[in-house]
């Protein structure tokens, strides 16, 4: 499984963005992006949603979750909605 820091750096580079450009789109500092990509810190779940939107990928891809985890998560969400 790919770590968030590696997935973030890979997806950012695939889109031709610098750390500075991504940071600007997210209204944060370049240093924050750098810290995420080195694994020094991790973004909040709310920030992960914004990152996924800016990189035009589903959150699950950014987190590199295996498909069976995604299916399980969808099942849990359906169960919760019935309660």
N, C-alpha and C. Protein backbone atom coordinates (compact mmCIF):
# COMPACT_ATOMS: atom_id res chain seq x y z
N UNK A 1 0.85 -1.18 0.00
CA UNK A 1 0.00 0.00 0.00
C UNK A 1 0.89 1.24 0.00
N UNK A 2 0.55 2.19 -0.83
CA UNK A 2 1.32 3.43 -0.92
C UNK A 2 0.90 4.36 0.22
N UNK A 3 1.87 4.99 0.82
CA UNK A 3 1.59 5.94 1.89
C UNK A 3 1.03 7.23 1.31
N UNK A 4 0.26 7.95 2.12
CA UNK A 4 -0.33 9.21 1.69
C UNK A 4 0.74 10.17 1.17
N UNK A 5 1.88 10.24 1.86
CA UNK A 5 2.92 11.18 1.44
C UNK A 5 3.42 10.86 0.03
N UNK A 6 3.54 9.58 -0.28
CA UNK A 6 4.01 9.18 -1.60
C UNK A 6 2.94 9.40 -2.67
N UNK A 7 1.70 9.07 -2.33
CA UNK A 7 0.60 9.27 -3.28
C UNK A 7 0.43 10.74 -3.60
N UNK A 8 0.51 11.59 -2.58
CA UNK A 8 0.35 13.03 -2.79
C UNK A 8 1.43 13.57 -3.71
N UNK A 9 2.66 13.23 -3.45
CA UNK A 9 3.77 13.72 -4.28
C UNK A 9 3.63 13.21 -5.72
N UNK A 10 3.28 11.93 -5.88
CA UNK A 10 3.15 11.36 -7.22
C UNK A 10 2.02 12.02 -7.99
N UNK A 11 0.86 12.15 -7.37
CA UNK A 11 -0.29 12.75 -8.05
C UNK A 11 -0.04 14.22 -8.39
N UNK A 12 0.62 14.94 -7.49
CA UNK A 12 0.93 16.35 -7.75
C UNK A 12 1.84 16.47 -8.96
N UNK A 13 2.90 15.64 -8.99
CA UNK A 13 3.84 15.69 -10.12
C UNK A 13 3.18 15.26 -11.43
N UNK A 14 2.30 14.24 -11.36
CA UNK A 14 1.60 13.78 -12.57
C UNK A 14 0.77 14.91 -13.19
N UNK A 15 0.31 15.82 -12.37
CA UNK A 15 -0.49 16.93 -12.86
C UNK A 15 0.35 18.16 -13.20
N UNK A 16 1.65 18.01 -13.09
CA UNK A 16 2.56 19.09 -13.46
C UNK A 16 2.53 20.26 -12.50
N UNK A 17 2.16 20.02 -11.24
CA UNK A 17 2.09 21.09 -10.25
C UNK A 17 3.32 21.10 -9.36
N UNK A 18 3.76 22.28 -9.01
CA UNK A 18 4.82 22.40 -8.00
C UNK A 18 4.14 22.40 -6.63
N UNK A 19 4.95 22.25 -5.59
CA UNK A 19 4.41 22.36 -4.24
C UNK A 19 3.78 23.74 -4.04
N UNK A 20 4.43 24.75 -4.56
CA UNK A 20 3.94 26.13 -4.44
C UNK A 20 2.58 26.29 -5.11
N UNK A 21 2.42 25.72 -6.30
CA UNK A 21 1.15 25.84 -7.03
C UNK A 21 0.01 25.12 -6.30
N UNK A 22 0.29 23.92 -5.80
CA UNK A 22 -0.73 23.20 -5.06
C UNK A 22 -1.09 23.96 -3.78
N UNK A 23 -0.09 24.45 -3.10
CA UNK A 23 -0.32 25.22 -1.88
C UNK A 23 -1.20 26.43 -2.16
N UNK A 24 -0.93 27.12 -3.23
CA UNK A 24 -1.71 28.30 -3.60
C UNK A 24 -3.17 27.94 -3.84
N UNK A 25 -3.42 26.83 -4.50
CA UNK A 25 -4.78 26.39 -4.77
C UNK A 25 -5.52 26.00 -3.48
N UNK A 26 -4.76 25.57 -2.49
CA UNK A 26 -5.35 25.14 -1.22
C UNK A 26 -5.34 26.25 -0.16
N UNK A 27 -4.76 27.41 -0.51
CA UNK A 27 -4.65 28.55 0.41
C UNK A 27 -3.85 28.19 1.67
N UNK A 28 -2.75 27.49 1.43
CA UNK A 28 -1.84 27.12 2.52
C UNK A 28 -0.42 27.45 2.08
N UNK A 29 0.56 27.16 2.91
CA UNK A 29 1.95 27.44 2.56
C UNK A 29 2.57 26.26 1.82
N UNK A 30 3.60 26.55 1.06
CA UNK A 30 4.36 25.50 0.38
C UNK A 30 4.98 24.56 1.41
N UNK A 31 5.36 25.13 2.55
CA UNK A 31 5.98 24.31 3.61
C UNK A 31 5.02 23.25 4.13
N UNK A 32 3.74 23.55 4.17
CA UNK A 32 2.75 22.56 4.61
C UNK A 32 2.72 21.38 3.64
N UNK A 33 2.72 21.68 2.35
CA UNK A 33 2.73 20.61 1.34
C UNK A 33 4.02 19.80 1.47
N UNK A 34 5.13 20.47 1.65
CA UNK A 34 6.41 19.79 1.82
C UNK A 34 6.39 18.85 3.02
N UNK A 35 5.83 19.32 4.13
CA UNK A 35 5.76 18.48 5.35
C UNK A 35 4.89 17.25 5.12
N UNK A 36 3.80 17.41 4.36
CA UNK A 36 2.96 16.24 4.05
C UNK A 36 3.73 15.24 3.19
N UNK A 37 4.45 15.77 2.19
CA UNK A 37 5.15 14.89 1.25
C UNK A 37 6.37 14.21 1.86
N UNK A 38 6.91 14.77 2.92
CA UNK A 38 8.03 14.11 3.60
C UNK A 38 7.55 13.22 4.74
N UNK A 39 6.27 13.32 5.06
CA UNK A 39 5.71 12.50 6.12
C UNK A 39 5.89 13.10 7.51
N UNK A 40 6.37 14.34 7.58
CA UNK A 40 6.56 15.00 8.87
C UNK A 40 5.21 15.25 9.55
N UNK A 41 4.20 15.58 8.75
CA UNK A 41 2.83 15.76 9.25
C UNK A 41 1.88 15.18 8.22
N UNK A 42 0.61 15.09 8.58
CA UNK A 42 -0.42 14.65 7.64
C UNK A 42 -1.55 15.67 7.62
N UNK A 43 -2.16 15.83 6.46
CA UNK A 43 -3.28 16.77 6.38
C UNK A 43 -4.50 16.22 7.12
N UNK A 44 -5.37 17.11 7.55
CA UNK A 44 -6.63 16.69 8.18
C UNK A 44 -7.51 16.04 7.12
N UNK A 45 -8.54 15.33 7.57
CA UNK A 45 -9.45 14.70 6.62
C UNK A 45 -10.16 15.74 5.76
N UNK A 46 -10.47 16.90 6.33
CA UNK A 46 -11.08 17.96 5.53
C UNK A 46 -10.12 18.46 4.46
N UNK A 47 -8.85 18.59 4.80
CA UNK A 47 -7.85 19.02 3.82
C UNK A 47 -7.64 17.93 2.77
N UNK A 48 -7.70 16.67 3.17
CA UNK A 48 -7.55 15.57 2.20
C UNK A 48 -8.65 15.66 1.14
N UNK A 49 -9.87 16.01 1.57
CA UNK A 49 -10.96 16.17 0.60
C UNK A 49 -10.66 17.30 -0.37
N UNK A 50 -10.12 18.41 0.13
CA UNK A 50 -9.78 19.54 -0.75
C UNK A 50 -8.64 19.18 -1.69
N UNK A 51 -7.65 18.46 -1.18
CA UNK A 51 -6.53 18.03 -2.03
C UNK A 51 -7.05 17.14 -3.15
N UNK A 52 -7.91 16.19 -2.80
CA UNK A 52 -8.47 15.28 -3.81
C UNK A 52 -9.21 16.06 -4.89
N UNK A 53 -9.97 17.07 -4.46
CA UNK A 53 -10.69 17.89 -5.44
C UNK A 53 -9.72 18.63 -6.36
N UNK A 54 -8.69 19.23 -5.79
CA UNK A 54 -7.72 19.97 -6.61
C UNK A 54 -6.93 19.07 -7.55
N UNK A 55 -6.66 17.85 -7.12
CA UNK A 55 -5.91 16.91 -7.95
C UNK A 55 -6.83 16.09 -8.85
N UNK A 56 -8.13 16.33 -8.71
CA UNK A 56 -9.16 15.66 -9.53
C UNK A 56 -9.08 14.14 -9.41
N UNK A 57 -9.03 13.67 -8.18
CA UNK A 57 -9.04 12.23 -7.90
C UNK A 57 -10.00 11.97 -6.75
N UNK A 58 -10.58 10.76 -6.69
CA UNK A 58 -11.39 10.41 -5.53
C UNK A 58 -10.51 10.34 -4.28
N UNK A 59 -11.08 10.65 -3.14
CA UNK A 59 -10.33 10.58 -1.88
C UNK A 59 -9.72 9.19 -1.73
N UNK A 60 -10.46 8.16 -2.10
CA UNK A 60 -9.96 6.79 -1.95
C UNK A 60 -8.66 6.57 -2.74
N UNK A 61 -8.55 7.21 -3.89
CA UNK A 61 -7.32 7.05 -4.67
C UNK A 61 -6.16 7.77 -4.00
N UNK A 62 -6.44 8.93 -3.45
CA UNK A 62 -5.40 9.68 -2.75
C UNK A 62 -4.89 8.87 -1.56
N UNK A 63 -5.81 8.19 -0.89
CA UNK A 63 -5.42 7.36 0.25
C UNK A 63 -4.94 5.98 -0.17
N UNK A 64 -5.07 5.68 -1.47
CA UNK A 64 -4.64 4.41 -2.06
C UNK A 64 -5.22 3.23 -1.30
N UNK A 65 -6.53 3.27 -1.09
CA UNK A 65 -7.20 2.18 -0.40
C UNK A 65 -7.52 1.08 -1.38
N UNK A 66 -7.26 -0.18 -1.02
CA UNK A 66 -7.63 -1.29 -1.89
C UNK A 66 -9.14 -1.32 -2.13
N UNK A 67 -9.56 -1.84 -3.27
CA UNK A 67 -10.97 -1.83 -3.65
C UNK A 67 -11.85 -2.52 -2.61
N UNK A 68 -11.38 -3.62 -2.01
CA UNK A 68 -12.24 -4.30 -1.04
C UNK A 68 -12.48 -3.42 0.20
N UNK A 69 -11.54 -2.55 0.54
CA UNK A 69 -11.77 -1.59 1.63
C UNK A 69 -12.86 -0.60 1.22
N UNK A 70 -12.80 -0.17 -0.03
CA UNK A 70 -13.79 0.79 -0.53
C UNK A 70 -15.18 0.17 -0.49
N UNK A 71 -15.29 -1.10 -0.88
CA UNK A 71 -16.58 -1.79 -0.85
C UNK A 71 -17.09 -1.91 0.58
N UNK A 72 -16.21 -2.26 1.50
CA UNK A 72 -16.57 -2.36 2.90
C UNK A 72 -17.04 -1.01 3.43
N UNK A 73 -16.34 0.04 3.08
CA UNK A 73 -16.71 1.38 3.52
C UNK A 73 -18.09 1.76 3.00
N UNK A 74 -18.37 1.45 1.74
CA UNK A 74 -19.69 1.74 1.18
C UNK A 74 -20.78 0.96 1.92
N UNK A 75 -20.52 -0.29 2.26
CA UNK A 75 -21.48 -1.10 3.02
C UNK A 75 -21.74 -0.49 4.39
N UNK A 76 -20.66 -0.05 5.05
CA UNK A 76 -20.83 0.56 6.37
C UNK A 76 -21.64 1.84 6.31
N UNK A 77 -21.41 2.63 5.28
CA UNK A 77 -22.17 3.87 5.11
C UNK A 77 -23.65 3.56 4.90
N UNK A 78 -23.94 2.52 4.12
CA UNK A 78 -25.35 2.12 3.90
C UNK A 78 -25.98 1.67 5.21
N UNK A 79 -25.26 0.89 5.98
CA UNK A 79 -25.78 0.42 7.28
C UNK A 79 -26.08 1.58 8.21
N UNK A 80 -25.17 2.52 8.26
CA UNK A 80 -25.34 3.68 9.14
C UNK A 80 -26.56 4.51 8.71
N UNK A 81 -26.78 4.61 7.42
CA UNK A 81 -27.90 5.41 6.93
C UNK A 81 -29.25 4.79 7.31
N UNK A 82 -29.28 3.48 7.56
CA UNK A 82 -30.52 2.82 7.99
C UNK A 82 -30.82 3.02 9.46
N UNK A 83 -29.82 3.42 10.24
CA UNK A 83 -30.03 3.58 11.68
C UNK A 83 -30.73 4.85 12.04
